[in-house]
Amino acid sequence: MAKKKDNKMMIGRYAYILGLILAVIAGVVPAVAGYAYTGLILVILGLIVGFINIAGKDVMALLLGLLALTVVGNATLAVIPAVNMYLIAILQNIVFFAGAAAFVVAIKAVLTTTKA
């Protein structure tokens, strides 16, 4: 049993790291961003992270962090003209990735709340 849990945690950890790296690379390298399945890969990695990595105590932090990224991020990044397009692309990719994880976590939270 412990071996299966360790394997799941390793898969979740690698999906998290790979998702963040892909989000940054796709934001900086136009060829990667232009690849048709980049967004889909980010969403799938986010779903894996949401199912495996996010525990009950981390739900509110994830949802609040994603809300802050979405609302404040684009407006704040607009004032940095030299790297504006790269930062906005990276932020959008991170929102694809984290948004999928947040979706899973939100559904799990609703299901847990309605079980009572």
N, C-alpha and C. Protein backbone atom coordinates (compact mmCIF):
# COMPACT_ATOMS: atom_id res chain seq x y z
N MET A 1 0.83 -1.20 0.00
CA MET A 1 0.00 0.00 0.00
C MET A 1 0.87 1.26 0.00
N ALA A 2 1.91 1.26 0.80
CA ALA A 2 2.76 2.45 0.87
C ALA A 2 3.46 2.68 -0.47
N LYS A 3 3.80 1.60 -1.16
CA LYS A 3 4.49 1.72 -2.44
C LYS A 3 3.60 2.40 -3.48
N LYS A 4 2.30 2.03 -3.52
CA LYS A 4 1.38 2.65 -4.47
C LYS A 4 1.21 4.14 -4.17
N LYS A 5 1.11 4.49 -2.89
CA LYS A 5 0.95 5.89 -2.52
C LYS A 5 2.19 6.69 -2.89
N ASP A 6 3.37 6.11 -2.69
CA ASP A 6 4.61 6.79 -3.07
C ASP A 6 4.66 7.00 -4.58
N ASN A 7 4.25 6.00 -5.35
CA ASN A 7 4.24 6.14 -6.81
C ASN A 7 3.27 7.23 -7.26
N LYS A 8 2.08 7.28 -6.63
CA LYS A 8 1.12 8.32 -6.98
C LYS A 8 1.68 9.70 -6.66
N MET A 9 2.33 9.84 -5.53
CA MET A 9 2.88 11.14 -5.14
C MET A 9 4.00 11.55 -6.09
N MET A 10 4.80 10.59 -6.54
CA MET A 10 5.87 10.91 -7.49
C MET A 10 5.28 11.35 -8.83
N ILE A 11 4.23 10.67 -9.28
CA ILE A 11 3.58 11.07 -10.53
C ILE A 11 3.02 12.47 -10.39
N GLY A 12 2.36 12.76 -9.28
CA GLY A 12 1.82 14.09 -9.04
C GLY A 12 2.90 15.15 -8.98
N ARG A 13 4.00 14.83 -8.33
CA ARG A 13 5.12 15.79 -8.23
C ARG A 13 5.72 16.07 -9.60
N TYR A 14 5.93 15.02 -10.40
CA TYR A 14 6.48 15.21 -11.74
C TYR A 14 5.51 15.97 -12.65
N ALA A 15 4.21 15.71 -12.51
CA ALA A 15 3.21 16.43 -13.30
C ALA A 15 3.23 17.91 -12.94
N TYR A 16 3.39 18.22 -11.66
CA TYR A 16 3.46 19.61 -11.22
C TYR A 16 4.68 20.32 -11.79
N ILE A 17 5.82 19.69 -11.66
CA ILE A 17 7.07 20.29 -12.15
C ILE A 17 7.01 20.45 -13.67
N LEU A 18 6.58 19.41 -14.37
CA LEU A 18 6.49 19.45 -15.83
C LEU A 18 5.50 20.52 -16.29
N GLY A 19 4.38 20.66 -15.58
CA GLY A 19 3.39 21.67 -15.94
C GLY A 19 3.94 23.08 -15.81
N LEU A 20 4.65 23.35 -14.72
CA LEU A 20 5.23 24.69 -14.54
C LEU A 20 6.31 24.97 -15.58
N ILE A 21 7.15 23.99 -15.84
CA ILE A 21 8.21 24.18 -16.84
C ILE A 21 7.60 24.41 -18.23
N LEU A 22 6.61 23.61 -18.58
CA LEU A 22 5.95 23.77 -19.89
C LEU A 22 5.25 25.12 -19.98
N ALA A 23 4.64 25.58 -18.91
CA ALA A 23 3.96 26.88 -18.92
C ALA A 23 4.95 28.00 -19.19
N VAL A 24 6.11 27.94 -18.57
CA VAL A 24 7.12 28.99 -18.77
C VAL A 24 7.71 28.90 -20.18
N ILE A 25 8.06 27.69 -20.61
CA ILE A 25 8.66 27.53 -21.94
C ILE A 25 7.67 27.97 -23.03
N ALA A 26 6.41 27.57 -22.88
CA ALA A 26 5.40 27.95 -23.89
C ALA A 26 5.15 29.45 -23.88
N GLY A 27 5.40 30.11 -22.77
CA GLY A 27 5.24 31.55 -22.72
C GLY A 27 6.39 32.31 -23.36
N VAL A 28 7.55 31.67 -23.43
CA VAL A 28 8.75 32.34 -23.93
C VAL A 28 9.08 31.93 -25.37
N VAL A 29 8.84 30.68 -25.71
CA VAL A 29 9.21 30.15 -27.03
C VAL A 29 7.96 30.08 -27.90
N PRO A 30 7.88 30.90 -28.92
CA PRO A 30 6.68 30.93 -29.76
C PRO A 30 6.36 29.60 -30.45
N ALA A 31 7.36 28.82 -30.79
CA ALA A 31 7.11 27.54 -31.47
C ALA A 31 6.36 26.58 -30.55
N VAL A 32 6.69 26.59 -29.27
CA VAL A 32 6.01 25.71 -28.31
C VAL A 32 4.59 26.22 -28.07
N ALA A 33 4.44 27.53 -27.96
CA ALA A 33 3.11 28.11 -27.75
C ALA A 33 2.21 27.87 -28.95
N GLY A 34 2.79 27.82 -30.15
CA GLY A 34 2.01 27.60 -31.36
C GLY A 34 1.62 26.15 -31.58
N TYR A 35 2.20 25.24 -30.83
CA TYR A 35 1.86 23.83 -30.94
C TYR A 35 0.41 23.64 -30.52
N ALA A 36 -0.35 22.93 -31.31
CA ALA A 36 -1.80 22.83 -31.12
C ALA A 36 -2.19 22.21 -29.79
N TYR A 37 -1.38 21.35 -29.23
CA TYR A 37 -1.77 20.62 -28.03
C TYR A 37 -1.12 21.13 -26.75
N THR A 38 -0.45 22.26 -26.80
CA THR A 38 0.21 22.77 -25.59
C THR A 38 -0.81 23.05 -24.49
N GLY A 39 -1.89 23.73 -24.81
CA GLY A 39 -2.92 24.01 -23.81
C GLY A 39 -3.55 22.74 -23.27
N LEU A 40 -3.80 21.78 -24.15
CA LEU A 40 -4.38 20.51 -23.72
C LEU A 40 -3.45 19.77 -22.78
N ILE A 41 -2.17 19.76 -23.09
CA ILE A 41 -1.20 19.10 -22.22
C ILE A 41 -1.16 19.77 -20.86
N LEU A 42 -1.20 21.10 -20.83
CA LEU A 42 -1.22 21.83 -19.56
C LEU A 42 -2.47 21.49 -18.74
N VAL A 43 -3.60 21.39 -19.41
CA VAL A 43 -4.84 21.06 -18.70
C VAL A 43 -4.78 19.63 -18.15
N ILE A 44 -4.28 18.69 -18.93
CA ILE A 44 -4.18 17.31 -18.47
C ILE A 44 -3.23 17.21 -17.28
N LEU A 45 -2.09 17.89 -17.35
CA LEU A 45 -1.17 17.89 -16.21
C LEU A 45 -1.82 18.53 -14.98
N GLY A 46 -2.60 19.59 -15.19
CA GLY A 46 -3.31 20.22 -14.08
C GLY A 46 -4.34 19.29 -13.46
N LEU A 47 -5.04 18.52 -14.29
CA LEU A 47 -6.00 17.55 -13.77
C LEU A 47 -5.30 16.49 -12.92
N ILE A 48 -4.16 16.02 -13.38
CA ILE A 48 -3.39 15.03 -12.62
C ILE A 48 -2.99 15.61 -11.27
N VAL A 49 -2.49 16.84 -11.28
CA VAL A 49 -2.10 17.49 -10.03
C VAL A 49 -3.30 17.66 -9.11
N GLY A 50 -4.44 18.07 -9.66
CA GLY A 50 -5.63 18.24 -8.85
C GLY A 50 -6.11 16.96 -8.21
N PHE A 51 -6.03 15.86 -8.93
CA PHE A 51 -6.46 14.57 -8.37
C PHE A 51 -5.48 14.02 -7.35
N ILE A 52 -4.20 14.22 -7.57
CA ILE A 52 -3.19 13.55 -6.75
C ILE A 52 -2.61 14.43 -5.65
N ASN A 53 -2.24 15.66 -5.97
CA ASN A 53 -1.42 16.45 -5.06
C ASN A 53 -2.17 17.30 -4.05
N ILE A 54 -3.34 17.76 -4.36
CA ILE A 54 -4.00 18.76 -3.52
C ILE A 54 -4.80 18.06 -2.42
N ALA A 55 -4.36 18.30 -1.17
CA ALA A 55 -5.04 17.73 -0.01
C ALA A 55 -6.11 18.70 0.49
N GLY A 56 -6.91 18.25 1.43
CA GLY A 56 -8.01 19.06 1.94
C GLY A 56 -7.58 20.39 2.52
N LYS A 57 -6.44 20.43 3.18
CA LYS A 57 -5.99 21.68 3.80
C LYS A 57 -5.49 22.70 2.77
N ASP A 58 -5.17 22.25 1.56
CA ASP A 58 -4.63 23.14 0.54
C ASP A 58 -5.69 23.68 -0.42
N VAL A 59 -6.93 23.28 -0.25
CA VAL A 59 -7.99 23.64 -1.19
C VAL A 59 -8.18 25.16 -1.25
N MET A 60 -8.36 25.78 -0.11
CA MET A 60 -8.62 27.22 -0.08
C MET A 60 -7.42 28.01 -0.61
N ALA A 61 -6.22 27.58 -0.26
CA ALA A 61 -5.03 28.29 -0.74
C ALA A 61 -4.93 28.22 -2.26
N LEU A 62 -5.20 27.06 -2.84
CA LEU A 62 -5.15 26.92 -4.30
C LEU A 62 -6.21 27.78 -4.97
N LEU A 63 -7.42 27.71 -4.49
CA LEU A 63 -8.50 28.48 -5.11
C LEU A 63 -8.27 29.98 -4.97
N LEU A 64 -7.83 30.42 -3.83
CA LEU A 64 -7.56 31.85 -3.63
C LEU A 64 -6.37 32.31 -4.47
N GLY A 65 -5.33 31.48 -4.55
CA GLY A 65 -4.17 31.83 -5.37
C GLY A 65 -4.51 31.93 -6.84
N LEU A 66 -5.32 31.03 -7.33
CA LEU A 66 -5.73 31.08 -8.74
C LEU A 66 -6.60 32.30 -9.00
N LEU A 67 -7.47 32.61 -8.07
CA LEU A 67 -8.30 33.81 -8.22
C LEU A 67 -7.42 35.06 -8.28
N ALA A 68 -6.42 35.14 -7.42
CA ALA A 68 -5.52 36.29 -7.43
C ALA A 68 -4.72 36.36 -8.73
N LEU A 69 -4.23 35.23 -9.21
CA LEU A 69 -3.51 35.22 -10.48
C LEU A 69 -4.37 35.71 -11.62
N THR A 70 -5.59 35.26 -11.65
CA THR A 70 -6.48 35.61 -12.75
C THR A 70 -6.89 37.08 -12.71
N VAL A 71 -7.27 37.55 -11.55
CA VAL A 71 -7.81 38.91 -11.44
C VAL A 71 -6.71 39.97 -11.50
N VAL A 72 -5.68 39.80 -10.72
CA VAL A 72 -4.66 40.83 -10.58
C VAL A 72 -3.56 40.71 -11.62
N GLY A 73 -3.27 39.51 -12.05
CA GLY A 73 -2.13 39.27 -12.91
C GLY A 73 -2.08 40.07 -14.19
N ASN A 74 -3.11 40.01 -14.98
CA ASN A 74 -3.09 40.71 -16.27
C ASN A 74 -3.00 42.21 -16.12
N ALA A 75 -3.70 42.77 -15.16
CA ALA A 75 -3.67 44.22 -14.96
C ALA A 75 -2.29 44.68 -14.48
N THR A 76 -1.66 43.93 -13.63
CA THR A 76 -0.36 44.29 -13.09
C THR A 76 0.73 44.17 -14.14
N LEU A 77 0.66 43.14 -14.95
CA LEU A 77 1.72 42.90 -15.94
C LEU A 77 1.69 43.90 -17.08
N ALA A 78 0.60 44.59 -17.27
CA ALA A 78 0.49 45.54 -18.38
C ALA A 78 1.41 46.75 -18.22
N VAL A 79 1.92 46.99 -17.03
CA VAL A 79 2.77 48.16 -16.81
C VAL A 79 4.24 47.90 -17.08
N ILE A 80 4.59 46.68 -17.46
CA ILE A 80 5.98 46.34 -17.76
C ILE A 80 6.09 46.08 -19.26
N PRO A 81 6.31 47.12 -20.06
CA PRO A 81 6.21 46.95 -21.52
C PRO A 81 7.29 46.07 -22.14
N ALA A 82 8.49 46.03 -21.60
CA ALA A 82 9.58 45.29 -22.24
C ALA A 82 9.33 43.78 -22.26
N VAL A 83 8.76 43.26 -21.21
CA VAL A 83 8.54 41.81 -21.13
C VAL A 83 7.06 41.48 -21.01
N ASN A 84 6.23 42.43 -21.32
CA ASN A 84 4.79 42.30 -21.15
C ASN A 84 4.22 41.06 -21.84
N MET A 85 4.52 40.87 -23.11
CA MET A 85 3.89 39.76 -23.84
C MET A 85 4.35 38.41 -23.31
N TYR A 86 5.61 38.31 -22.86
CA TYR A 86 6.09 37.04 -22.32
C TYR A 86 5.46 36.74 -20.97
N LEU A 87 5.40 37.73 -20.10
CA LEU A 87 4.81 37.51 -18.79
C LEU A 87 3.33 37.18 -18.87
N ILE A 88 2.63 37.85 -19.75
CA ILE A 88 1.20 37.55 -19.90
C ILE A 88 1.00 36.14 -20.46
N ALA A 89 1.82 35.73 -21.41
CA ALA A 89 1.71 34.37 -21.97
C ALA A 89 2.03 33.33 -20.90
N ILE A 90 3.06 33.57 -20.09
CA ILE A 90 3.40 32.64 -19.01
C ILE A 90 2.25 32.56 -18.01
N LEU A 91 1.70 33.72 -17.65
CA LEU A 91 0.58 33.75 -16.70
C LEU A 91 -0.63 33.00 -17.25
N GLN A 92 -0.94 33.19 -18.52
CA GLN A 92 -2.07 32.48 -19.11
C GLN A 92 -1.85 30.97 -19.09
N ASN A 93 -0.63 30.55 -19.37
CA ASN A 93 -0.33 29.12 -19.33
C ASN A 93 -0.43 28.56 -17.92
N ILE A 94 0.03 29.32 -16.95
CA ILE A 94 -0.09 28.87 -15.56
C ILE A 94 -1.56 28.79 -15.15
N VAL A 95 -2.37 29.71 -15.64
CA VAL A 95 -3.80 29.67 -15.33
C VAL A 95 -4.45 28.45 -15.99
N PHE A 96 -4.05 28.10 -17.21
CA PHE A 96 -4.54 26.84 -17.82
C PHE A 96 -4.23 25.66 -16.92
N PHE A 97 -2.98 25.61 -16.49
CA PHE A 97 -2.48 24.50 -15.68
C PHE A 97 -3.16 24.47 -14.31
N ALA A 98 -3.09 25.57 -13.59
CA ALA A 98 -3.64 25.61 -12.23
C ALA A 98 -5.16 25.63 -12.25
N GLY A 99 -5.75 26.16 -13.30
CA GLY A 99 -7.21 26.18 -13.40
C GLY A 99 -7.80 24.79 -13.48
N ALA A 100 -7.13 23.90 -14.18
CA ALA A 100 -7.60 22.51 -14.26
C ALA A 100 -7.50 21.85 -12.90
N ALA A 101 -6.41 22.10 -12.19
CA ALA A 101 -6.26 21.55 -10.84
C ALA A 101 -7.33 22.13 -9.91
N ALA A 102 -7.59 23.42 -10.03
CA ALA A 102 -8.60 24.07 -9.19
C ALA A 102 -10.00 23.54 -9.51
N PHE A 103 -10.25 23.23 -10.77
CA PHE A 103 -11.54 22.65 -11.15
C PHE A 103 -11.77 21.33 -10.42
N VAL A 104 -10.77 20.47 -10.44
CA VAL A 104 -10.87 19.18 -9.78
C VAL A 104 -11.07 19.37 -8.28
N VAL A 105 -10.30 20.26 -7.69
CA VAL A 105 -10.37 20.51 -6.25
C VAL A 105 -11.73 21.08 -5.88
N ALA A 106 -12.26 21.99 -6.69
CA ALA A 106 -13.57 22.57 -6.40
C ALA A 106 -14.67 21.51 -6.47
N ILE A 107 -14.60 20.64 -7.46
CA ILE A 107 -15.60 19.57 -7.57
C ILE A 107 -15.49 18.62 -6.37
N LYS A 108 -14.25 18.28 -5.99
CA LYS A 108 -14.07 17.43 -4.80
C LYS A 108 -14.62 18.09 -3.54
N ALA A 109 -14.43 19.41 -3.42
CA ALA A 109 -14.93 20.13 -2.25
C ALA A 109 -16.45 20.13 -2.22
N VAL A 110 -17.07 20.34 -3.38
CA VAL A 110 -18.54 20.32 -3.43
C VAL A 110 -19.07 18.94 -3.09
N LEU A 111 -18.45 17.90 -3.62
CA LEU A 111 -18.90 16.54 -3.32
C LEU A 111 -18.72 16.20 -1.85
N THR A 112 -17.61 16.64 -1.27
CA THR A 112 -17.37 16.39 0.15
C THR A 112 -18.38 17.13 1.01
N THR A 113 -18.70 18.33 0.63
CA THR A 113 -19.66 19.14 1.40
C THR A 113 -21.07 18.56 1.32
N THR A 114 -21.45 18.05 0.18
CA THR A 114 -22.82 17.54 0.03
C THR A 114 -23.00 16.13 0.55
N LYS A 115 -21.93 15.44 0.92
CA LYS A 115 -22.05 14.09 1.48
C LYS A 115 -22.66 14.10 2.88
N ALA A 116 -22.51 15.19 3.60
CA ALA A 116 -22.97 15.23 4.99
C ALA A 116 -24.45 15.23 5.15
